[in-house]
Amino acid sequence: MSNRLFQSVIHQMKDAVGRVIGLIDENGLVIACSELQKIGEMRQGVREVLSFSGEVAVVDGYTYRYVTSGVKNDNIIFVEGTDKSAEKFAALLAISLGSIKKLYDEKYDKASFIKNILLDNILPSDIFIKGKELRFNSDVRRAVLVIKFPERTDFSPYEVLQSMFPDRAKDYIISVSEHDMVLVKEMSQDSDMMKEAESIAASLYETLTTEFFVKRVSIGIGSIATSLKDLSRAYKEARIALEVGKVFDTEKTYISYDNLGIGRLIYQLPTSLCEIFLEEVFKKESLSTLDHETLGTVQSFFENNLNVSETSRKLFVHRNTLVYRLEKIRKLTGLDLRQFDDAVTFKVALMVKKYLVSKPTKF
């Protein structure tokens, strides 16, 4: 917080108090005072005495009290005198300066500014102006990762992430709920940024699961934000990546918006349209008649690029057995998965079915 603002407030209060009043910082340095010549003096040992005595301490004819702002106490108010009036003045000044400090920090704190951008709590026209006030580098590109923790953990997710990304000048940890954290990470300008973001996500997942024993943590990655106003878009994309990944890529530990593929398209379709698609493509209940083994065969067939020989080798079955299973699917559905167009239709249909079963919440 600007020392000039503290000094302005104390200067306005000095006549009402009628005593010497001032403020010292975490090092014991007087940073504001009603008597200007005292600014720059050192008040050694005050913090130690105050820590030992509690809320109020008296040292060398002055009454001291921590500034009350609801956060860590770095600044200490002092009032000339050791009587009850000095103690009351100190209490009032501590509360007043603390409230002013809190409002100032909320207005100018960078993390709060980033959070307001993510949640669309600031007008786009104000982002550039406020970013300039806070001295954000407009040329920097940033990645936005949403980390979703399980409902119960033995630690504070916010504090853990803060310890993992301690560079407060470049990286920001934002808490959007008790279990959802956002990492806004400054990227290296000469690298493959999306690849770097995925590497960060992989490392983050590894650390959380091995060192902190977190289960079911999931990470969504938005596309790279090229400006401050793009952070909101990247945040929404990361949330969508989490939701779409929960439906179509359940085995992945992290997923990026840029790699959602067909899943992103299906996610944006209305459920009524998806239901019509399934009814038109398949015969009545033909898809639901396929057993688990058959669906596993189909999945392997897709993973091996519709190659019958390679699929039969991976499944440890005879080639003719695989052909028989594919023929069974053709008779049930009318789709020959050995034909590319039919295979694409069947693949999309399976994903649509998954989507309809899950019905994810949209953002």
Protein backbone atom coordinates (compact mmCIF):
# COMPACT_ATOMS: atom_id res chain seq x y z
CA MET A 1 0.00 0.00 0.00
CA SER A 2 1.23 3.52 -0.81
CA ASN A 3 2.85 5.26 2.16
CA ARG A 4 1.54 8.53 0.78
CA LEU A 5 -2.03 7.37 1.37
CA PHE A 6 -1.20 6.49 4.98
CA GLN A 7 0.46 9.86 5.44
CA SER A 8 -2.54 11.67 3.95
CA VAL A 9 -4.94 9.96 6.38
CA ILE A 10 -2.73 10.56 9.42
CA HIS A 11 -2.25 14.20 8.46
CA GLN A 12 -6.04 14.65 8.37
CA MET A 13 -6.42 12.97 11.77
CA LYS A 14 -3.71 14.78 13.69
CA ASP A 15 -5.84 17.79 14.71
CA ALA A 16 -8.71 15.58 15.89
CA VAL A 17 -6.39 13.41 17.99
CA GLY A 18 -4.23 16.25 19.29
CA ARG A 19 -1.21 13.96 19.76
CA VAL A 20 1.68 12.65 17.73
CA ILE A 21 0.46 9.69 15.71
CA GLY A 22 2.23 7.55 13.16
CA LEU A 23 2.83 4.20 11.54
CA ILE A 24 5.81 1.84 11.39
CA ASP A 25 6.36 -0.96 8.86
CA GLU A 26 7.45 -4.57 9.34
CA ASN A 27 11.08 -3.45 9.82
CA GLY A 28 10.32 -0.90 12.53
CA LEU A 29 10.71 2.08 10.17
CA VAL A 30 8.38 5.06 10.65
CA ILE A 31 6.66 5.39 7.26
CA ALA A 32 4.00 7.98 8.18
CA CYS A 33 3.70 10.46 11.03
CA SER A 34 1.88 13.63 12.03
CA GLU A 35 5.35 15.11 12.76
CA LEU A 36 7.13 14.89 9.42
CA GLN A 37 10.63 14.97 10.94
CA LYS A 38 10.01 11.60 12.59
CA ILE A 39 9.47 9.83 9.26
CA GLY A 40 12.44 7.58 8.62
CA GLU A 41 13.18 6.93 12.31
CA MET A 42 13.64 3.36 13.53
CA ARG A 43 11.56 1.99 16.41
CA GLN A 44 13.61 -1.05 17.36
CA GLY A 45 12.09 -3.81 19.46
CA VAL A 46 8.50 -2.60 19.25
CA ARG A 47 7.27 -5.59 17.28
CA GLU A 48 8.86 -8.01 19.74
CA VAL A 49 7.28 -6.25 22.74
CA LEU A 50 3.88 -6.12 21.01
CA SER A 51 4.04 -9.80 20.08
CA PHE A 52 4.77 -10.68 23.70
CA SER A 53 2.21 -8.36 25.32
CA GLY A 54 -0.73 -8.98 22.96
CA GLU A 55 -2.90 -6.31 21.36
CA VAL A 56 -1.36 -3.23 22.96
CA ALA A 57 2.18 -2.33 24.02
CA VAL A 58 3.74 0.72 25.65
CA VAL A 59 7.33 1.60 24.72
CA ASP A 60 9.21 4.81 25.51
CA GLY A 61 6.13 6.96 26.08
CA TYR A 62 4.15 5.71 23.06
CA THR A 63 1.24 3.29 22.78
CA TYR A 64 1.49 0.77 19.92
CA ARG A 65 -1.12 -1.43 18.27
CA TYR A 66 -1.29 -3.59 15.16
CA VAL A 67 -3.25 -2.24 12.19
CA THR A 68 -6.41 -4.36 11.94
CA SER A 69 -7.19 -5.36 8.34
CA GLY A 70 -8.19 -9.00 8.63
CA VAL A 71 -4.90 -10.22 7.14
CA LYS A 72 -1.29 -10.56 8.27
CA ASN A 73 -0.25 -7.67 10.55
CA ASP A 74 2.70 -5.90 8.95
CA ASN A 75 2.08 -2.33 10.08
CA ILE A 76 1.83 -0.93 13.61
CA ILE A 77 0.12 2.32 14.64
CA PHE A 78 1.58 4.45 17.45
CA VAL A 79 0.07 7.24 19.53
CA GLU A 80 1.88 9.60 21.88
CA GLY A 81 1.06 8.86 25.55
CA THR A 82 0.56 5.84 27.78
CA ASP A 83 -2.86 6.62 29.25
CA LYS A 84 -6.30 5.16 28.46
CA SER A 85 -6.98 7.89 25.91
CA ALA A 86 -3.85 6.94 23.98
CA GLU A 87 -4.98 3.32 23.99
CA LYS A 88 -8.44 4.30 22.67
CA PHE A 89 -6.95 6.52 19.96
CA ALA A 90 -4.64 3.69 18.91
CA ALA A 91 -7.58 1.27 18.68
CA LEU A 92 -9.63 3.67 16.55
CA LEU A 93 -6.71 4.47 14.28
CA ALA A 94 -5.83 0.79 13.89
CA ILE A 95 -9.36 -0.02 12.76
CA SER A 96 -9.61 3.01 10.47
CA LEU A 97 -6.25 2.48 8.74
CA GLY A 98 -6.91 -1.25 8.55
CA SER A 99 -10.20 -0.70 6.74
CA ILE A 100 -8.58 1.73 4.33
CA LYS A 101 -5.71 -0.70 3.73
CA LYS A 102 -8.11 -3.56 3.01
CA LEU A 103 -10.12 -1.51 0.51
CA TYR A 104 -6.93 -0.30 -1.15
CA ASP A 105 -5.48 -3.80 -1.42
CA GLU A 106 -8.70 -5.19 -2.87
CA LYS A 107 -8.72 -2.43 -5.44
CA TYR A 108 -5.11 -2.72 -6.51
CA ASP A 109 -4.12 -6.28 -5.68
CA LYS A 110 -3.09 -8.14 -8.84
CA ALA A 111 -4.59 -11.48 -7.84
CA SER A 112 -7.97 -9.86 -7.21
CA PHE A 113 -7.71 -8.15 -10.58
CA ILE A 114 -6.98 -11.47 -12.31
CA LYS A 115 -9.91 -13.12 -10.51
CA ASN A 116 -12.27 -10.36 -11.63
CA ILE A 117 -11.18 -10.91 -15.23
CA LEU A 118 -11.68 -14.68 -15.01
CA LEU A 119 -15.18 -14.30 -13.57
CA ASP A 120 -16.19 -11.44 -15.89
CA ASN A 121 -16.54 -9.05 -12.95
CA ILE A 122 -14.81 -6.21 -14.77
CA LEU A 123 -15.74 -4.39 -17.95
CA PRO A 124 -13.51 -5.19 -20.96
CA SER A 125 -12.87 -1.48 -21.40
CA ASP A 126 -11.50 -1.28 -17.85
CA ILE A 127 -9.12 -4.24 -18.16
CA PHE A 128 -6.51 -2.35 -20.19
CA ILE A 129 -6.63 0.71 -17.91
CA LYS A 130 -6.42 -1.32 -14.68
CA GLY A 131 -3.73 -3.58 -16.13
CA LYS A 132 -1.64 -0.53 -16.90
CA GLU A 133 -2.14 0.81 -13.37
CA LEU A 134 -0.93 -2.49 -11.94
CA ARG A 135 1.98 -2.61 -14.41
CA PHE A 136 1.04 -5.85 -16.12
CA ASN A 137 3.17 -6.70 -19.14
CA SER A 138 0.74 -6.61 -22.08
CA ASP A 139 3.06 -8.66 -24.31
CA VAL A 140 3.15 -11.70 -22.02
CA ARG A 141 1.16 -14.82 -22.91
CA ARG A 142 -0.40 -16.85 -20.15
CA ALA A 143 -1.88 -20.32 -19.68
CA VAL A 144 -4.98 -20.90 -17.56
CA LEU A 145 -5.31 -24.23 -15.76
CA VAL A 146 -8.33 -25.20 -13.67
CA ILE A 147 -7.47 -27.76 -10.97
CA LYS A 148 -10.45 -29.58 -9.50
CA PHE A 149 -9.74 -31.21 -6.14
CA PRO A 150 -11.88 -33.87 -4.44
CA GLU A 151 -14.34 -32.64 -1.84
CA ARG A 152 -12.23 -33.81 1.10
CA THR A 153 -8.52 -33.16 1.48
CA ASP A 154 -6.21 -33.11 4.49
CA PHE A 155 -4.66 -29.82 3.41
CA SER A 156 -5.53 -26.46 1.91
CA PRO A 157 -5.40 -26.74 -1.91
CA TYR A 158 -4.74 -23.01 -2.17
CA GLU A 159 -1.72 -23.11 0.14
CA VAL A 160 -0.28 -26.18 -1.58
CA LEU A 161 -0.47 -24.57 -5.00
CA GLN A 162 0.98 -21.34 -3.63
CA SER A 163 4.00 -23.30 -2.39
CA MET A 164 4.39 -25.01 -5.77
CA PHE A 165 4.26 -21.73 -7.71
CA PRO A 166 5.89 -19.16 -5.41
CA ASP A 167 6.65 -16.49 -8.04
CA ARG A 168 3.88 -14.03 -7.14
CA ALA A 169 5.04 -11.57 -9.81
CA LYS A 170 4.37 -13.96 -12.70
CA ASP A 171 2.08 -16.77 -11.49
CA TYR A 172 -1.28 -16.38 -9.79
CA ILE A 173 -3.27 -18.91 -7.77
CA ILE A 174 -6.97 -18.03 -7.71
CA SER A 175 -9.52 -19.76 -5.54
CA VAL A 176 -12.93 -19.80 -7.28
CA SER A 177 -14.46 -22.26 -4.81
CA GLU A 178 -13.35 -24.44 -1.92
CA HIS A 179 -12.23 -27.22 -4.27
CA ASP A 180 -11.65 -25.44 -7.59
CA MET A 181 -8.37 -23.59 -8.04
CA VAL A 182 -7.08 -21.69 -11.05
CA LEU A 183 -3.43 -21.33 -12.02
CA VAL A 184 -2.63 -18.40 -14.31
CA LYS A 185 0.91 -19.13 -15.47
CA GLU A 186 3.19 -16.86 -17.45
CA MET A 187 4.66 -18.78 -20.39
CA SER A 188 8.09 -18.77 -21.98
CA GLN A 189 7.77 -16.69 -25.12
CA ASP A 190 10.16 -18.82 -27.21
CA SER A 191 8.53 -22.21 -26.55
CA ASP A 192 5.64 -24.34 -27.74
CA MET A 193 3.29 -22.82 -25.18
CA MET A 194 0.53 -25.41 -25.29
CA LYS A 195 3.07 -28.19 -24.97
CA GLU A 196 4.62 -26.35 -22.02
CA ALA A 197 1.20 -25.92 -20.40
CA GLU A 198 0.50 -29.65 -20.74
CA SER A 199 3.91 -30.41 -19.25
CA ILE A 200 3.07 -28.18 -16.27
CA ALA A 201 -0.26 -29.97 -15.85
CA ALA A 202 1.45 -33.38 -15.96
CA SER A 203 4.02 -32.31 -13.37
CA LEU A 204 1.30 -30.78 -11.19
CA TYR A 205 -0.75 -33.97 -11.29
CA GLU A 206 2.30 -36.10 -10.47
CA THR A 207 3.20 -33.95 -7.46
CA LEU A 208 -0.35 -33.85 -6.07
CA THR A 209 -0.88 -37.60 -6.39
CA THR A 210 2.53 -38.79 -5.20
CA GLU A 211 3.52 -36.24 -2.55
CA PHE A 212 0.10 -35.19 -1.27
CA PHE A 213 -1.78 -38.43 -2.06
CA VAL A 214 -4.64 -36.58 -3.76
CA LYS A 215 -7.08 -38.88 -5.55
CA ARG A 216 -9.38 -37.95 -8.42
CA VAL A 217 -7.76 -34.59 -9.07
CA SER A 218 -8.46 -33.37 -12.61
CA ILE A 219 -6.93 -30.54 -14.61
CA GLY A 220 -8.39 -28.59 -17.53
CA ILE A 221 -6.26 -26.38 -19.78
CA GLY A 222 -7.60 -23.48 -21.84
CA SER A 223 -5.98 -22.19 -24.99
CA ILE A 224 -3.15 -19.71 -24.49
CA ALA A 225 -4.28 -16.18 -23.58
CA THR A 226 -2.46 -13.57 -25.65
CA SER A 227 -3.78 -10.65 -23.58
CA LEU A 228 -5.33 -9.97 -20.19
CA LYS A 229 -8.87 -9.84 -21.59
CA ASP A 230 -8.34 -13.30 -23.11
CA LEU A 231 -7.95 -14.82 -19.63
CA SER A 232 -11.74 -15.00 -19.25
CA ARG A 233 -12.06 -16.97 -22.48
CA ALA A 234 -9.20 -19.29 -21.52
CA TYR A 235 -10.79 -19.91 -18.12
CA LYS A 236 -14.13 -20.87 -19.68
CA GLU A 237 -12.32 -23.17 -22.10
CA ALA A 238 -10.48 -24.88 -19.24
CA ARG A 239 -13.81 -25.46 -17.45
CA ILE A 240 -15.31 -26.90 -20.63
CA ALA A 241 -12.24 -29.13 -21.06
CA LEU A 242 -12.86 -30.54 -17.58
CA GLU A 243 -16.52 -31.24 -18.30
CA VAL A 244 -15.98 -32.71 -21.77
CA GLY A 245 -13.03 -34.77 -20.52
CA LYS A 246 -15.20 -36.14 -17.72
CA VAL A 247 -17.53 -37.53 -20.39
CA PHE A 248 -15.26 -38.64 -23.23
CA ASP A 249 -11.74 -38.97 -21.76
CA THR A 250 -12.28 -40.37 -18.30
CA GLU A 251 -8.83 -41.99 -18.14
CA LYS A 252 -6.88 -38.79 -18.85
CA THR A 253 -5.37 -36.95 -15.89
CA TYR A 254 -5.46 -33.61 -17.67
CA ILE A 255 -7.05 -32.43 -20.88
CA SER A 256 -6.67 -29.29 -22.98
CA TYR A 257 -9.42 -27.46 -24.80
CA ASP A 258 -7.45 -27.54 -28.05
CA ASN A 259 -7.43 -31.36 -28.03
CA LEU A 260 -11.11 -32.02 -27.34
CA GLY A 261 -11.84 -32.81 -30.99
CA ILE A 262 -15.31 -34.16 -31.79
CA GLY A 263 -16.19 -34.19 -28.09
CA ARG A 264 -16.22 -30.37 -28.04
CA LEU A 265 -18.66 -30.30 -30.95
CA ILE A 266 -21.01 -32.85 -29.38
CA TYR A 267 -20.90 -31.01 -26.05
CA GLN A 268 -22.29 -27.90 -27.74
CA LEU A 269 -25.23 -29.71 -29.35
CA PRO A 270 -28.69 -29.71 -27.73
CA THR A 271 -29.70 -33.11 -26.35
CA SER A 272 -32.85 -33.19 -28.52
CA LEU A 273 -30.70 -33.04 -31.66
CA CYS A 274 -28.45 -35.82 -30.32
CA GLU A 275 -31.47 -38.06 -29.68
CA ILE A 276 -32.76 -37.49 -33.23
CA PHE A 277 -29.31 -38.37 -34.61
CA LEU A 278 -29.24 -41.72 -32.78
CA GLU A 279 -32.76 -42.57 -33.91
CA GLU A 280 -31.96 -41.81 -37.54
CA VAL A 281 -28.63 -43.63 -37.66
CA PHE A 282 -29.53 -46.83 -35.83
CA LYS A 283 -32.36 -49.24 -35.93
CA LYS A 284 -34.50 -49.27 -32.79
CA GLU A 285 -32.41 -50.32 -29.77
CA SER A 286 -29.69 -51.75 -32.03
CA LEU A 287 -26.94 -49.84 -30.21
CA SER A 288 -28.08 -51.01 -26.78
CA THR A 289 -28.03 -54.64 -27.88
CA LEU A 290 -24.24 -54.66 -28.31
CA ASP A 291 -22.55 -56.43 -25.40
CA HIS A 292 -19.44 -55.30 -23.52
CA GLU A 293 -17.12 -57.64 -25.44
CA THR A 294 -18.34 -56.36 -28.80
CA LEU A 295 -17.94 -52.73 -27.77
CA GLY A 296 -14.42 -53.50 -26.53
CA THR A 297 -13.62 -54.98 -29.93
CA VAL A 298 -14.93 -51.87 -31.65
CA GLN A 299 -12.81 -49.63 -29.43
CA SER A 300 -9.67 -51.62 -30.19
CA PHE A 301 -10.52 -51.59 -33.92
CA PHE A 302 -10.73 -47.79 -33.85
CA GLU A 303 -7.49 -47.49 -31.87
CA ASN A 304 -5.71 -49.55 -34.54
CA ASN A 305 -6.93 -47.39 -37.42
CA LEU A 306 -9.45 -49.94 -38.75
CA ASN A 307 -6.67 -52.45 -39.37
CA VAL A 308 -8.13 -55.96 -39.01
CA SER A 309 -4.80 -57.79 -38.75
CA GLU A 310 -3.33 -55.43 -36.16
CA THR A 311 -6.52 -55.43 -34.09
CA SER A 312 -6.76 -59.23 -34.02
CA ARG A 313 -3.13 -59.39 -32.94
CA LYS A 314 -3.70 -56.89 -30.10
CA LEU A 315 -6.85 -58.73 -28.95
CA PHE A 316 -5.16 -62.15 -29.22
CA VAL A 317 -7.99 -63.48 -31.37
CA HIS A 318 -8.03 -65.10 -34.81
CA ARG A 319 -8.56 -62.78 -37.74
CA ASN A 320 -11.71 -64.63 -38.71
CA THR A 321 -13.09 -64.17 -35.20
CA LEU A 322 -12.66 -60.44 -35.50
CA VAL A 323 -14.28 -60.41 -38.94
CA TYR A 324 -17.21 -62.37 -37.50
CA ARG A 325 -17.70 -59.78 -34.75
CA LEU A 326 -17.57 -56.90 -37.22
CA GLU A 327 -20.09 -58.68 -39.42
CA LYS A 328 -22.36 -59.13 -36.41
CA ILE A 329 -22.26 -55.36 -35.84
CA ARG A 330 -23.10 -54.75 -39.52
CA LYS A 331 -26.16 -56.95 -39.28
CA LEU A 332 -27.36 -55.26 -36.10
CA THR A 333 -26.72 -51.66 -37.07
CA GLY A 334 -26.38 -51.62 -40.83
CA LEU A 335 -22.88 -50.09 -40.46
CA ASP A 336 -19.77 -51.81 -41.83
CA LEU A 337 -16.96 -50.56 -39.60
CA ARG A 338 -14.38 -51.58 -42.21
CA GLN A 339 -15.68 -48.66 -44.28
CA PHE A 340 -14.36 -45.30 -43.16
CA ASP A 341 -17.66 -43.37 -43.40
CA ASP A 342 -19.55 -46.04 -41.44
CA ALA A 343 -16.77 -46.19 -38.84
CA VAL A 344 -16.94 -42.39 -38.33
CA THR A 345 -20.74 -42.54 -37.95
CA PHE A 346 -20.49 -45.33 -35.38
CA LYS A 347 -17.72 -43.56 -33.44
CA VAL A 348 -19.71 -40.34 -33.25
CA ALA A 349 -22.83 -42.27 -32.23
CA LEU A 350 -20.99 -43.87 -29.31
CA MET A 351 -19.82 -40.45 -28.14
CA VAL A 352 -23.30 -38.98 -28.49
CA LYS A 353 -24.68 -41.85 -26.42
CA LYS A 354 -22.08 -41.16 -23.72
CA TYR A 355 -23.01 -37.49 -23.75
CA LEU A 356 -26.72 -38.19 -23.35
CA VAL A 357 -26.08 -40.55 -20.44
CA SER A 358 -23.86 -38.05 -18.59
CA LYS A 359 -25.66 -34.78 -19.46
CA PRO A 360 -22.80 -32.57 -18.19
CA THR A 361 -23.43 -29.14 -16.74
CA LYS A 362 -22.57 -26.41 -19.20
CA PHE A 363 -20.81 -23.17 -18.35
